[in-house]
């Protein structure tokens, strides 16, 4: 059985750390998506020029 009270206390205790981790993950994910998009556009231009 999972003790939700303990988990809730841990989340409240480490709220800033959790928010920071989520924010960093979102930033990294958005940078990765941007890089994929830029490369996709570049490769489409290269393929279209032939």
Protein backbone atom coordinates (compact mmCIF):
# COMPACT_ATOMS: atom_id res chain seq x y z
CA UNK A 1 0.00 0.00 0.00
CA UNK A 2 1.36 3.40 -1.00
CA UNK A 3 1.42 5.92 1.83
CA UNK A 4 0.09 9.06 0.12
CA UNK A 5 0.51 11.23 3.23
CA UNK A 6 4.28 10.69 3.22
CA UNK A 7 4.45 11.39 -0.54
CA UNK A 8 2.38 14.58 -0.07
CA UNK A 9 4.73 15.76 2.70
CA UNK A 10 7.77 15.08 0.49
CA UNK A 11 6.19 17.05 -2.41
CA UNK A 12 5.46 20.01 -0.11
CA UNK A 13 8.99 19.80 1.34
CA UNK A 14 10.71 19.71 -2.08
CA UNK A 15 8.23 21.85 -4.06
CA UNK A 16 10.90 24.24 -5.42
CA UNK A 17 13.19 21.39 -6.49
CA UNK A 18 10.32 19.60 -8.27
CA UNK A 19 9.22 22.78 -10.06
CA UNK A 20 12.84 23.46 -11.09
CA UNK A 21 13.20 19.89 -12.44
CA UNK A 22 9.96 20.15 -14.43
CA UNK A 23 10.95 23.56 -15.81
CA UNK A 24 14.40 22.28 -16.87
CA UNK A 25 12.84 19.25 -18.55
CA UNK A 26 10.41 21.49 -20.46
CA UNK A 27 13.24 23.82 -21.57
CA UNK A 28 15.38 20.91 -22.78
CA UNK A 29 12.39 19.35 -24.59
CA UNK A 30 11.50 22.63 -26.32
CA UNK A 31 15.14 23.14 -27.42
CA UNK A 32 15.18 19.59 -28.84
CA UNK A 33 11.91 20.21 -30.74
CA UNK A 34 13.27 23.52 -32.09
CA UNK A 35 16.49 21.80 -33.28
CA UNK A 36 14.50 19.03 -35.01
CA UNK A 37 12.31 21.64 -36.70
CA UNK A 38 15.29 23.70 -37.92
CA UNK A 39 17.02 20.59 -39.29
CA UNK A 40 13.80 19.43 -40.98
CA UNK A 41 13.45 22.80 -42.75
CA UNK A 42 17.14 22.74 -43.78
CA UNK A 43 16.89 19.19 -45.18
CA UNK A 44 13.68 20.07 -47.07
CA UNK A 45 15.52 23.01 -48.70
CA UNK A 46 18.47 20.74 -49.62
CA UNK A 47 16.17 18.08 -51.09
CA UNK A 48 14.09 20.71 -52.92
CA UNK A 49 17.17 22.25 -54.55
CA UNK A 50 18.04 19.01 -56.44
